[in-house]
Amino acid sequence: MNKALVGIVMGSDSDWPLVKKACETLQKFDVPYETRVISAHRTPEVAIEYSKTAESRGLKVVIAAAGGAAHLAGVLAAGTVLPVIGIPVAGGALNGLDALYATVQMPGGVPVATVACGSAGPVNAALLAVQILGTADESLREKFRVHKDDLKKKVAAANDRIHAEG
């Protein structure tokens, strides 16, 4: 197995069904990753250690998924110079709005890129990680170009299908 380039951290194992979509997306691009369950509130020392050692372990991007108070991405971003992408996980009384606000409301100097709540979030987090890695890897950038072309073809096929039915 190749050394992980992307670290995927989730605040709870209940986030796994959603986060798995990020893993599947990275696999399509042959990007090696690692996954961990780390809680910003229940295991803060583990979160800080993970973020402080991420760069020396070879990671290039960190993806953090959390719901509720959703402080995980911010805690990880505080401890590393690597780009951190936050996935706000929907659920709870506010159906993810609290997680979204917590993830996007970072103080100046501690950026966290934030993607959508719901099933698009982990896919887009992985795709953003691929784009970031692609800035230094032409073959990965080319794979992303092919991905974008495939999206265009799917839209064109959908358009043709709708017109054929109408």
Protein backbone atom coordinates (compact mmCIF):
# COMPACT_ATOMS: atom_id res chain seq x y z
CA MET A 1 0.00 0.00 0.00
CA ASN A 2 1.26 3.46 -0.83
CA LYS A 3 1.93 5.90 1.95
CA ALA A 4 -1.17 7.96 2.73
CA LEU A 5 -1.34 11.44 1.21
CA VAL A 6 -4.76 12.30 2.63
CA GLY A 7 -5.84 11.89 6.21
CA ILE A 8 -9.57 11.42 6.72
CA VAL A 9 -10.71 11.99 10.30
CA MET A 10 -14.24 11.63 11.58
CA GLY A 11 -15.53 12.68 14.97
CA SER A 12 -17.54 9.51 15.47
CA ASP A 13 -17.92 6.12 13.87
CA SER A 14 -21.52 7.11 13.13
CA ASP A 15 -20.02 9.43 10.49
CA TRP A 16 -18.51 6.46 8.61
CA PRO A 17 -21.41 5.76 6.19
CA LEU A 18 -21.08 9.32 4.92
CA VAL A 19 -17.27 9.56 5.09
CA LYS A 20 -16.89 6.32 3.15
CA LYS A 21 -17.90 8.28 0.04
CA ALA A 22 -14.70 10.34 0.36
CA CYS A 23 -12.67 7.13 0.54
CA GLU A 24 -14.39 5.72 -2.53
CA THR A 25 -13.73 8.94 -4.44
CA LEU A 26 -10.04 8.96 -3.52
CA GLN A 27 -9.79 5.31 -4.59
CA LYS A 28 -11.09 6.24 -8.05
CA PHE A 29 -8.10 8.57 -8.39
CA ASP A 30 -5.65 6.08 -6.84
CA VAL A 31 -4.89 8.51 -4.01
CA PRO A 32 -3.72 6.71 -0.86
CA TYR A 33 -5.42 7.76 2.36
CA GLU A 34 -5.78 6.83 5.99
CA THR A 35 -8.88 7.01 8.19
CA ARG A 36 -9.23 7.69 11.91
CA VAL A 37 -11.97 8.30 14.43
CA ILE A 38 -10.85 11.16 16.68
CA SER A 39 -13.09 13.37 18.78
CA ALA A 40 -12.20 17.02 19.25
CA HIS A 41 -14.00 16.95 22.59
CA ARG A 42 -13.53 13.44 23.97
CA THR A 43 -9.93 12.92 22.78
CA PRO A 44 -8.53 16.43 22.19
CA GLU A 45 -4.93 15.37 22.90
CA VAL A 46 -5.22 12.71 20.18
CA ALA A 47 -6.57 15.30 17.73
CA ILE A 48 -3.71 17.69 18.46
CA GLU A 49 -1.09 14.91 18.16
CA TYR A 50 -2.62 13.74 14.87
CA SER A 51 -2.49 17.24 13.40
CA LYS A 52 1.01 17.98 14.69
CA THR A 53 2.42 14.77 13.15
CA ALA A 54 0.41 14.78 9.91
CA GLU A 55 3.05 16.53 7.82
CA SER A 56 5.97 14.43 9.10
CA ARG A 57 3.98 11.27 8.37
CA GLY A 58 3.67 12.32 4.71
CA LEU A 59 0.14 13.61 4.62
CA LYS A 60 -0.52 16.50 2.24
CA VAL A 61 -4.21 17.21 2.98
CA VAL A 62 -6.50 16.51 5.93
CA ILE A 63 -10.26 15.97 5.64
CA ALA A 64 -12.29 16.26 8.84
CA ALA A 65 -15.94 15.25 9.19
CA ALA A 66 -17.96 16.15 12.26
CA GLY A 67 -21.49 16.97 13.27
CA GLY A 68 -22.99 18.93 16.12
CA ALA A 69 -20.46 21.38 17.51
CA ALA A 70 -18.11 20.26 14.68
CA HIS A 71 -14.88 21.59 16.15
CA LEU A 72 -12.75 18.77 14.71
CA ALA A 73 -11.66 20.53 11.50
CA GLY A 74 -10.71 23.67 13.43
CA VAL A 75 -8.74 21.76 16.05
CA LEU A 76 -6.85 19.89 13.34
CA ALA A 77 -6.23 23.11 11.37
CA ALA A 78 -4.84 24.74 14.51
CA GLY A 79 -2.13 22.10 14.77
CA THR A 80 -0.90 21.80 11.17
CA VAL A 81 0.21 23.86 8.20
CA LEU A 82 -1.48 21.42 5.82
CA PRO A 83 -4.76 22.31 4.12
CA VAL A 84 -7.78 21.09 6.08
CA ILE A 85 -11.14 20.43 4.45
CA GLY A 86 -14.16 20.29 6.74
CA ILE A 87 -17.25 18.19 6.10
CA PRO A 88 -20.18 19.37 8.23
CA VAL A 89 -22.21 16.27 9.05
CA ALA A 90 -25.98 16.69 9.07
CA GLY A 91 -27.93 15.44 12.04
CA GLY A 92 -29.13 16.39 15.47
CA ALA A 93 -31.71 19.02 16.38
CA LEU A 94 -30.46 21.51 13.79
CA ASN A 95 -29.99 18.94 11.00
CA GLY A 96 -26.38 19.95 10.36
CA LEU A 97 -26.80 23.72 10.40
CA ASP A 98 -24.82 23.85 13.65
CA ALA A 99 -22.04 21.76 12.09
CA LEU A 100 -22.01 23.96 9.01
CA TYR A 101 -21.73 27.14 11.06
CA ALA A 102 -19.01 25.67 13.27
CA THR A 103 -16.99 24.55 10.24
CA VAL A 104 -17.20 27.78 8.24
CA GLN A 105 -16.85 30.21 11.15
CA MET A 106 -13.10 29.89 11.65
CA PRO A 107 -11.15 32.84 13.01
CA GLY A 108 -8.73 34.67 10.74
CA GLY A 109 -5.44 32.82 10.42
CA VAL A 110 -6.90 29.31 10.84
CA PRO A 111 -8.52 28.47 7.49
CA VAL A 112 -10.71 25.44 6.93
CA ALA A 113 -12.11 24.83 3.46
CA THR A 114 -15.71 23.73 3.89
CA VAL A 115 -17.84 21.57 1.63
CA ALA A 116 -21.57 20.83 1.58
CA CYS A 117 -23.62 19.03 4.17
CA GLY A 118 -25.09 15.76 2.92
CA SER A 119 -23.81 13.17 0.48
CA ALA A 120 -22.11 15.73 -1.80
CA GLY A 121 -19.84 16.86 1.04
CA PRO A 122 -17.47 13.90 1.29
CA VAL A 123 -17.28 13.50 -2.48
CA ASN A 124 -16.42 17.18 -2.90
CA ALA A 125 -13.94 17.03 -0.02
CA ALA A 126 -12.11 14.19 -1.75
CA LEU A 127 -12.24 15.97 -5.10
CA LEU A 128 -10.85 19.14 -3.55
CA ALA A 129 -8.05 17.07 -2.01
CA VAL A 130 -7.34 15.62 -5.47
CA GLN A 131 -7.19 19.13 -6.93
CA ILE A 132 -4.82 20.28 -4.18
CA LEU A 133 -2.57 17.26 -4.74
CA GLY A 134 -2.83 17.83 -8.48
CA THR A 135 -1.05 21.17 -8.20
CA ALA A 136 2.16 19.17 -7.77
CA ASP A 137 1.24 16.03 -9.73
CA GLU A 138 0.52 16.34 -13.45
CA SER A 139 -0.83 12.78 -13.77
CA LEU A 140 -3.35 13.43 -11.01
CA ARG A 141 -4.29 16.73 -12.65
CA GLU A 142 -4.90 14.83 -15.89
CA LYS A 143 -7.13 12.32 -14.07
CA PHE A 144 -9.12 15.26 -12.76
CA ARG A 145 -9.47 16.65 -16.28
CA VAL A 146 -10.88 13.30 -17.39
CA HIS A 147 -13.27 13.41 -14.42
CA LYS A 148 -14.50 16.86 -15.48
CA ASP A 149 -14.95 15.65 -19.08
CA ASP A 150 -16.95 12.66 -17.81
CA LEU A 151 -19.25 15.03 -15.91
CA LYS A 152 -19.87 17.00 -19.11
CA LYS A 153 -20.66 13.78 -20.99
CA LYS A 154 -23.15 12.71 -18.30
CA VAL A 155 -24.96 16.03 -18.54
CA ALA A 156 -25.07 15.83 -22.34
CA ALA A 157 -26.42 12.26 -22.15
CA ALA A 158 -29.08 13.34 -19.66
CA ASN A 159 -30.08 16.18 -21.95
CA ASP A 160 -30.33 13.79 -24.92
CA ARG A 161 -32.40 11.34 -22.87
CA ILE A 162 -34.86 14.05 -21.78
CA HIS A 163 -35.26 15.29 -25.34
CA ALA A 164 -35.78 11.74 -26.64
CA GLU A 165 -38.59 11.21 -24.13
CA GLY A 166 -40.26 14.56 -24.86
